[in-house]
Amino acid sequence: MPNSRAGRPPTVPTETGRVRQKARTRNLLVTTARRLIASGRRPTVAEVADAAEVSRRTAYRYFPSQKMLVSDAVLDALRPVMEAAIAAVTPAADANADDLETSVDAMVVAMQRLTVEHEWSLRTIIHETVLHQGSAEVRRRGRRVEWIEMAMKPWRARLGEARHARLVAALALCVGIEALLVLRDISGLSPAQAIEMSQWMARALVNQTLAERATVRRKPKG
């Protein structure tokens, strides 16, 4: 009896398939919203759903409000700009300590300038995410950690996995809309002062990490 499975493509696990489908649906909605915005419109969630041929009910699960959808679509267009800026300041593989500090400093400036430029869209996303945090589909799409890791990639092996991971996590507190909210709303800093403070915090973290690394290297083995 011939094997009925012969020639069939490998099956994808159900859970993995659902995750991929959700990602495709969300990307379709965002891409469609970007296209409509580029034509001069400020589309509603229903209009984007209709244009993308996605059910309105499904679209509202991903984007409960027009503000969130429009903000996410606008920010999605910024990703290539940010990634190009980070790539431009990523040090060479043989970077030294000064290069790391310079690279992180430039990365912080690039990220925070874009954050300031699009502050209100980012504030909207924060607001909408908090209001709808119970929905599985409504999630933050920030690539902050990826961008920080990109800038620090040449240093990963030399810092060690644990030290590198800790520095990346700490630097994530220095950049992005959350850092700007604290520096602007609570500390009362101007946008320029907030960027400068983010640089100062990042430098302190880098210097502390390098100092710890130097101390460990000097310790005698035995």
C-alpha atoms as a PDB file:
ATOM      1  CA  MET A   1       0.000   0.000   0.000  1.00  0.00           C
ATOM      2  CA  PRO A   2       1.543   3.347  -0.974  1.00  0.00           C
ATOM      3  CA  ASN A   3       2.475   5.795   1.753  1.00  0.00           C
ATOM      4  CA  SER A   4      -0.163   8.522   1.679  1.00  0.00           C
ATOM      5  CA  ARG A   5       2.312  10.919   3.333  1.00  0.00           C
ATOM      6  CA  ALA A   6       4.855  10.591   0.551  1.00  0.00           C
ATOM      7  CA  GLY A   7       5.558  13.833  -1.195  1.00  0.00           C
ATOM      8  CA  ARG A   8       3.748  15.966   1.383  1.00  0.00           C
ATOM      9  CA  PRO A   9       5.557  19.050   2.712  1.00  0.00           C
ATOM     10  CA  PRO A  10       6.602  18.893   6.359  1.00  0.00           C
ATOM     11  CA  THR A  11       3.880  20.058   8.692  1.00  0.00           C
ATOM     12  CA  VAL A  12       4.323  23.143  10.851  1.00  0.00           C
ATOM     13  CA  PRO A  13       3.478  22.771  14.556  1.00  0.00           C
ATOM     14  CA  THR A  14       0.042  24.229  15.288  1.00  0.00           C
ATOM     15  CA  GLU A  15       1.309  26.826  17.760  1.00  0.00           C
ATOM     16  CA  THR A  16       4.088  27.970  15.432  1.00  0.00           C
ATOM     17  CA  GLY A  17       1.613  28.255  12.594  1.00  0.00           C
ATOM     18  CA  ARG A  18      -0.684  30.439  14.689  1.00  0.00           C
ATOM     19  CA  VAL A  19       2.155  32.736  15.686  1.00  0.00           C
ATOM     20  CA  ARG A  20       3.213  33.157  12.068  1.00  0.00           C
ATOM     21  CA  GLN A  21      -0.349  33.792  10.964  1.00  0.00           C
ATOM     22  CA  LYS A  22      -0.789  36.478  13.638  1.00  0.00           C
ATOM     23  CA  ALA A  23       2.442  38.129  12.536  1.00  0.00           C
ATOM     24  CA  ARG A  24       1.331  38.079   8.900  1.00  0.00           C
ATOM     25  CA  THR A  25      -2.062  39.555   9.772  1.00  0.00           C
ATOM     26  CA  ARG A  26      -0.567  42.324  11.875  1.00  0.00           C
ATOM     27  CA  ASN A  27       2.017  43.155   9.213  1.00  0.00           C
ATOM     28  CA  LEU A  28      -0.707  43.253   6.562  1.00  0.00           C
ATOM     29  CA  LEU A  29      -2.744  45.712   8.616  1.00  0.00           C
ATOM     30  CA  VAL A  30       0.258  47.938   9.316  1.00  0.00           C
ATOM     31  CA  THR A  31       1.408  47.880   5.678  1.00  0.00           C
ATOM     32  CA  THR A  32      -2.092  48.722   4.481  1.00  0.00           C
ATOM     33  CA  ALA A  33      -2.355  51.567   6.989  1.00  0.00           C
ATOM     34  CA  ARG A  34       0.984  52.953   5.822  1.00  0.00           C
ATOM     35  CA  ARG A  35      -0.226  52.892   2.216  1.00  0.00           C
ATOM     36  CA  LEU A  36      -3.428  54.727   3.075  1.00  0.00           C
ATOM     37  CA  ILE A  37      -1.550  57.286   5.194  1.00  0.00           C
ATOM     38  CA  ALA A  38       0.888  57.893   2.320  1.00  0.00           C
ATOM     39  CA  SER A  39      -2.103  58.776   0.133  1.00  0.00           C
ATOM     40  CA  GLY A  40      -3.006  61.581   2.517  1.00  0.00           C
ATOM     41  CA  ARG A  41      -5.612  59.785   4.622  1.00  0.00           C
ATOM     42  CA  ARG A  42      -5.872  59.074   8.339  1.00  0.00           C
ATOM     43  CA  PRO A  43      -7.696  55.763   8.097  1.00  0.00           C
ATOM     44  CA  THR A  44      -9.857  54.215  10.776  1.00  0.00           C
ATOM     45  CA  VAL A  45      -9.323  50.630  11.886  1.00  0.00           C
ATOM     46  CA  ALA A  46     -12.415  49.607   9.926  1.00  0.00           C
ATOM     47  CA  GLU A  47     -11.158  51.274   6.740  1.00  0.00           C
ATOM     48  CA  VAL A  48      -7.787  49.553   7.037  1.00  0.00           C
ATOM     49  CA  ALA A  49      -9.477  46.212   7.673  1.00  0.00           C
ATOM     50  CA  ASP A  50     -11.646  46.599   4.584  1.00  0.00           C
ATOM     51  CA  ALA A  51      -8.694  47.631   2.401  1.00  0.00           C
ATOM     52  CA  ALA A  52      -6.615  44.705   3.697  1.00  0.00           C
ATOM     53  CA  GLU A  53      -9.547  42.296   3.301  1.00  0.00           C
ATOM     54  CA  VAL A  54      -9.328  41.358   6.959  1.00  0.00           C
ATOM     55  CA  SER A  55     -12.417  41.125   9.135  1.00  0.00           C
ATOM     56  CA  ARG A  56     -13.045  44.231  11.203  1.00  0.00           C
ATOM     57  CA  ARG A  57     -13.382  42.126  14.333  1.00  0.00           C
ATOM     58  CA  THR A  58      -9.907  40.686  13.763  1.00  0.00           C
ATOM     59  CA  ALA A  59      -8.414  44.107  13.049  1.00  0.00           C
ATOM     60  CA  TYR A  60      -9.792  45.519  16.302  1.00  0.00           C
ATOM     61  CA  ARG A  61      -8.183  42.666  18.235  1.00  0.00           C
ATOM     62  CA  TYR A  62      -4.783  43.810  16.995  1.00  0.00           C
ATOM     63  CA  PHE A  63      -5.500  47.544  17.071  1.00  0.00           C
ATOM     64  CA  PRO A  64      -8.289  48.542  19.477  1.00  0.00           C
ATOM     65  CA  SER A  65      -8.098  52.189  18.399  1.00  0.00           C
ATOM     66  CA  GLN A  66      -7.324  54.313  15.372  1.00  0.00           C
ATOM     67  CA  LYS A  67      -4.620  56.161  17.295  1.00  0.00           C
ATOM     68  CA  MET A  68      -2.740  52.970  18.004  1.00  0.00           C
ATOM     69  CA  LEU A  69      -2.949  51.743  14.411  1.00  0.00           C
ATOM     70  CA  VAL A  70      -1.870  55.052  12.880  1.00  0.00           C
ATOM     71  CA  SER A  71       0.979  55.492  15.378  1.00  0.00           C
ATOM     72  CA  ASP A  72       2.209  51.953  14.809  1.00  0.00           C
ATOM     73  CA  ALA A  73       2.101  52.448  11.040  1.00  0.00           C
ATOM     74  CA  VAL A  74       4.063  55.700  11.270  1.00  0.00           C
ATOM     75  CA  LEU A  75       6.674  54.153  13.548  1.00  0.00           C
ATOM     76  CA  ASP A  76       6.995  51.126  11.305  1.00  0.00           C
ATOM     77  CA  ALA A  77       8.220  53.460   8.583  1.00  0.00           C
ATOM     78  CA  LEU A  78      10.936  54.725  10.934  1.00  0.00           C
ATOM     79  CA  ARG A  79      12.544  51.333  11.482  1.00  0.00           C
ATOM     80  CA  PRO A  80      14.764  51.439   8.372  1.00  0.00           C
ATOM     81  CA  VAL A  81      15.904  54.941   9.368  1.00  0.00           C
ATOM     82  CA  MET A  82      16.809  53.832  12.873  1.00  0.00           C
ATOM     83  CA  GLU A  83      18.511  50.648  11.732  1.00  0.00           C
ATOM     84  CA  ALA A  84      20.582  52.587   9.200  1.00  0.00           C
ATOM     85  CA  ALA A  85      21.625  55.048  11.907  1.00  0.00           C
ATOM     86  CA  ILE A  86      22.630  52.233  14.275  1.00  0.00           C
ATOM     87  CA  ALA A  87      24.541  50.405  11.531  1.00  0.00           C
ATOM     88  CA  ALA A  88      26.459  53.602  10.790  1.00  0.00           C
ATOM     89  CA  VAL A  89      27.810  53.785  14.347  1.00  0.00           C
ATOM     90  CA  THR A  90      28.425  50.078  14.889  1.00  0.00           C
ATOM     91  CA  PRO A  91      32.145  49.604  15.583  1.00  0.00           C
ATOM     92  CA  ALA A  92      34.463  47.286  13.700  1.00  0.00           C
ATOM     93  CA  ALA A  93      35.170  43.790  14.976  1.00  0.00           C
ATOM     94  CA  ASP A  94      38.512  44.910  16.452  1.00  0.00           C
ATOM     95  CA  ALA A  95      36.994  47.868  18.332  1.00  0.00           C
ATOM     96  CA  ASN A  96      38.685  49.005  21.558  1.00  0.00           C
ATOM     97  CA  ALA A  97      37.192  50.405  24.757  1.00  0.00           C
ATOM     98  CA  ASP A  98      37.013  53.951  23.416  1.00  0.00           C
ATOM     99  CA  ASP A  99      35.174  52.679  20.341  1.00  0.00           C
ATOM    100  CA  LEU A 100      32.552  50.991  22.535  1.00  0.00           C
ATOM    101  CA  GLU A 101      31.822  54.169  24.465  1.00  0.00           C
ATOM    102  CA  THR A 102      31.728  56.221  21.262  1.00  0.00           C
ATOM    103  CA  SER A 103      29.460  53.714  19.550  1.00  0.00           C
ATOM    104  CA  VAL A 104      27.019  53.506  22.450  1.00  0.00           C
ATOM    105  CA  ASP A 105      27.022  57.291  22.750  1.00  0.00           C
ATOM    106  CA  ALA A 106      26.164  57.693  19.061  1.00  0.00           C
ATOM    107  CA  MET A 107      23.507  54.986  19.317  1.00  0.00           C
ATOM    108  CA  VAL A 108      21.845  56.752  22.249  1.00  0.00           C
ATOM    109  CA  VAL A 109      21.819  60.083  20.407  1.00  0.00           C
ATOM    110  CA  ALA A 110      20.340  58.528  17.262  1.00  0.00           C
ATOM    111  CA  MET A 111      17.608  56.690  19.151  1.00  0.00           C
ATOM    112  CA  GLN A 112      16.661  59.575  21.417  1.00  0.00           C
ATOM    113  CA  ARG A 113      16.537  62.145  18.644  1.00  0.00           C
ATOM    114  CA  LEU A 114      14.036  60.002  16.779  1.00  0.00           C
ATOM    115  CA  THR A 115      12.152  59.443  20.025  1.00  0.00           C
ATOM    116  CA  VAL A 116      11.891  63.204  20.572  1.00  0.00           C
ATOM    117  CA  GLU A 117      10.836  63.794  16.968  1.00  0.00           C
ATOM    118  CA  HIS A 118       8.004  61.279  17.290  1.00  0.00           C
ATOM    119  CA  GLU A 119       7.279  61.723  20.973  1.00  0.00           C
ATOM    120  CA  TRP A 120       3.510  62.028  20.709  1.00  0.00           C
ATOM    121  CA  SER A 121       3.085  58.977  18.512  1.00  0.00           C
ATOM    122  CA  LEU A 122       5.154  57.009  21.006  1.00  0.00           C
ATOM    123  CA  ARG A 123       3.144  58.384  23.918  1.00  0.00           C
ATOM    124  CA  THR A 124      -0.009  57.221  22.142  1.00  0.00           C
ATOM    125  CA  ILE A 125       1.356  53.699  21.798  1.00  0.00           C
ATOM    126  CA  ILE A 126       2.275  53.628  25.499  1.00  0.00           C
ATOM    127  CA  HIS A 127      -1.219  54.835  26.412  1.00  0.00           C
ATOM    128  CA  GLU A 128      -3.020  52.360  24.187  1.00  0.00           C
ATOM    129  CA  THR A 129      -0.851  49.423  25.202  1.00  0.00           C
ATOM    130  CA  VAL A 130      -1.446  50.012  28.901  1.00  0.00           C
ATOM    131  CA  LEU A 131      -5.198  50.389  28.377  1.00  0.00           C
ATOM    132  CA  HIS A 132      -5.416  47.104  26.433  1.00  0.00           C
ATOM    133  CA  GLN A 133      -2.693  45.082  28.077  1.00  0.00           C
ATOM    134  CA  GLY A 134      -5.070  42.162  28.630  1.00  0.00           C
ATOM    135  CA  SER A 135      -5.272  41.455  24.889  1.00  0.00           C
ATOM    136  CA  ALA A 136      -2.808  38.878  23.588  1.00  0.00           C
ATOM    137  CA  GLU A 137      -2.672  40.544  20.179  1.00  0.00           C
ATOM    138  CA  VAL A 138      -1.890  44.027  21.547  1.00  0.00           C
ATOM    139  CA  ARG A 139       1.809  43.953  22.223  1.00  0.00           C
ATOM    140  CA  ARG A 140       4.738  46.329  22.052  1.00  0.00           C
ATOM    141  CA  ARG A 141       6.786  45.948  18.870  1.00  0.00           C
ATOM    142  CA  GLY A 142       9.836  47.903  19.942  1.00  0.00           C
ATOM    143  CA  ARG A 143      13.185  46.666  18.667  1.00  0.00           C
ATOM    144  CA  ARG A 144      15.154  48.605  21.234  1.00  0.00           C
ATOM    145  CA  VAL A 145      17.115  45.609  22.508  1.00  0.00           C
ATOM    146  CA  GLU A 146      17.892  44.496  18.959  1.00  0.00           C
ATOM    147  CA  TRP A 147      19.271  47.940  18.105  1.00  0.00           C
ATOM    148  CA  ILE A 148      21.406  48.049  21.244  1.00  0.00           C
ATOM    149  CA  GLU A 149      22.734  44.573  20.527  1.00  0.00           C
ATOM    150  CA  MET A 150      23.514  45.648  16.962  1.00  0.00           C
ATOM    151  CA  ALA A 151      25.648  48.552  18.204  1.00  0.00           C
ATOM    152  CA  MET A 152      27.435  46.310  20.719  1.00  0.00           C
ATOM    153  CA  LYS A 153      27.837  43.215  18.555  1.00  0.00           C
ATOM    154  CA  PRO A 154      31.657  43.431  18.205  1.00  0.00           C
ATOM    155  CA  TRP A 155      31.949  43.473  21.997  1.00  0.00           C
ATOM    156  CA  ARG A 156      29.735  40.509  22.827  1.00  0.00           C
ATOM    157  CA  ALA A 157      32.479  37.891  22.973  1.00  0.00           C
ATOM    158  CA  ARG A 158      34.944  40.108  24.821  1.00  0.00           C
ATOM    159  CA  LEU A 159      32.474  41.207  27.468  1.00  0.00           C
ATOM    160  CA  GLY A 160      31.173  37.683  28.017  1.00  0.00           C
ATOM    161  CA  GLU A 161      27.562  36.603  27.658  1.00  0.00           C
ATOM    162  CA  ALA A 162      26.432  37.521  31.176  1.00  0.00           C
ATOM    163  CA  ARG A 163      28.114  40.937  31.261  1.00  0.00           C
ATOM    164  CA  HIS A 164      26.956  41.731  27.720  1.00  0.00           C
ATOM    165  CA  ALA A 165      23.338  40.769  28.485  1.00  0.00           C
ATOM    166  CA  ARG A 166      23.326  42.866  31.648  1.00  0.00           C
ATOM    167  CA  LEU A 167      24.693  45.920  29.842  1.00  0.00           C
ATOM    168  CA  VAL A 168      22.139  45.580  27.028  1.00  0.00           C
ATOM    169  CA  ALA A 169      19.293  45.348  29.556  1.00  0.00           C
ATOM    170  CA  ALA A 170      20.597  48.358  31.475  1.00  0.00           C
ATOM    171  CA  LEU A 171      21.052  50.476  28.347  1.00  0.00           C
ATOM    172  CA  ALA A 172      17.436  49.736  27.399  1.00  0.00           C
ATOM    173  CA  LEU A 173      16.467  51.876  30.394  1.00  0.00           C
ATOM    174  CA  CYS A 174      18.402  54.851  29.015  1.00  0.00           C
ATOM    175  CA  VAL A 175      16.686  55.090  25.639  1.00  0.00           C
ATOM    176  CA  GLY A 176      13.197  54.987  24.185  1.00  0.00           C
ATOM    177  CA  ILE A 177       9.967  56.699  25.121  1.00  0.00           C
ATOM    178  CA  GLU A 178       9.939  55.436  28.718  1.00  0.00           C
ATOM    179  CA  ALA A 179      13.276  57.108  29.453  1.00  0.00           C
ATOM    180  CA  LEU A 180      12.074  60.275  27.756  1.00  0.00           C
ATOM    181  CA  LEU A 181       8.856  60.300  29.790  1.00  0.00           C
ATOM    182  CA  VAL A 182      10.789  60.161  33.063  1.00  0.00           C
ATOM    183  CA  LEU A 183      13.325  62.788  32.031  1.00  0.00           C
ATOM    184  CA  ARG A 184      10.745  65.144  30.521  1.00  0.00           C
ATOM    185  CA  ASP A 185       7.674  64.698  32.729  1.00  0.00           C
ATOM    186  CA  ILE A 186       9.216  63.888  36.097  1.00  0.00           C
ATOM    187  CA  SER A 187      12.641  65.533  35.946  1.00  0.00           C
ATOM    188  CA  GLY A 188      11.396  68.491  33.913  1.00  0.00           C
ATOM    189  CA  LEU A 189      14.211  68.437  31.349  1.00  0.00           C
ATOM    190  CA  SER A 190      14.045  69.922  27.877  1.00  0.00           C
ATOM    191  CA  PRO A 191      14.346  67.546  24.903  1.00  0.00           C
ATOM    192  CA  ALA A 192      18.031  68.471  24.448  1.00  0.00           C
ATOM    193  CA  GLN A 193      18.726  68.005  28.156  1.00  0.00           C
ATOM    194  CA  ALA A 194      16.925  64.663  28.134  1.00  0.00           C
ATOM    195  CA  ILE A 195      19.117  63.408  25.289  1.00  0.00           C
ATOM    196  CA  GLU A 196      22.237  64.607  27.103  1.00  0.00           C
ATOM    197  CA  MET A 197      21.126  62.861  30.296  1.00  0.00           C
ATOM    198  CA  SER A 198      20.507  59.621  28.375  1.00  0.00           C
ATOM    199  CA  GLN A 199      24.068  59.875  27.026  1.00  0.00           C
ATOM    200  CA  TRP A 200      25.447  60.448  30.518  1.00  0.00           C
ATOM    201  CA  MET A 201      23.616  57.423  31.942  1.00  0.00           C
ATOM    202  CA  ALA A 202      24.741  55.204  29.086  1.00  0.00           C
ATOM    203  CA  ARG A 203      28.371  56.278  29.484  1.00  0.00           C
ATOM    204  CA  ALA A 204      28.232  55.476  33.198  1.00  0.00           C
ATOM    205  CA  LEU A 205      26.937  51.980  32.478  1.00  0.00           C
ATOM    206  CA  VAL A 206      29.574  51.347  29.805  1.00  0.00           C
ATOM    207  CA  ASN A 207      32.383  52.610  32.035  1.00  0.00           C
ATOM    208  CA  GLN A 208      31.194  50.472  34.959  1.00  0.00           C
ATOM    209  CA  THR A 209      31.027  47.401  32.739  1.00  0.00           C
ATOM    210  CA  LEU A 210      34.525  48.004  31.359  1.00  0.00           C
ATOM    211  CA  ALA A 211      35.891  48.607  34.863  1.00  0.00           C
ATOM    212  CA  GLU A 212      34.438  45.302  36.075  1.00  0.00           C
ATOM    213  CA  ARG A 213      35.860  43.520  33.066  1.00  0.00           C
ATOM    214  CA  ALA A 214      39.307  44.994  33.719  1.00  0.00           C
ATOM    215  CA  THR A 215      39.150  43.969  37.391  1.00  0.00           C
ATOM    216  CA  VAL A 216      38.299  40.382  36.505  1.00  0.00           C
ATOM    217  CA  ARG A 217      41.121  40.210  33.962  1.00  0.00           C
ATOM    218  CA  ARG A 218      43.655  41.429  36.551  1.00  0.00           C
ATOM    219  CA  LYS A 219      42.706  38.865  39.172  1.00  0.00           C
ATOM    220  CA  PRO A 220      45.358  36.141  39.473  1.00  0.00           C
ATOM    221  CA  LYS A 221      44.281  32.672  38.479  1.00  0.00           C
ATOM    222  CA  GLY A 222      44.747  29.850  40.904  1.00  0.00           C
END
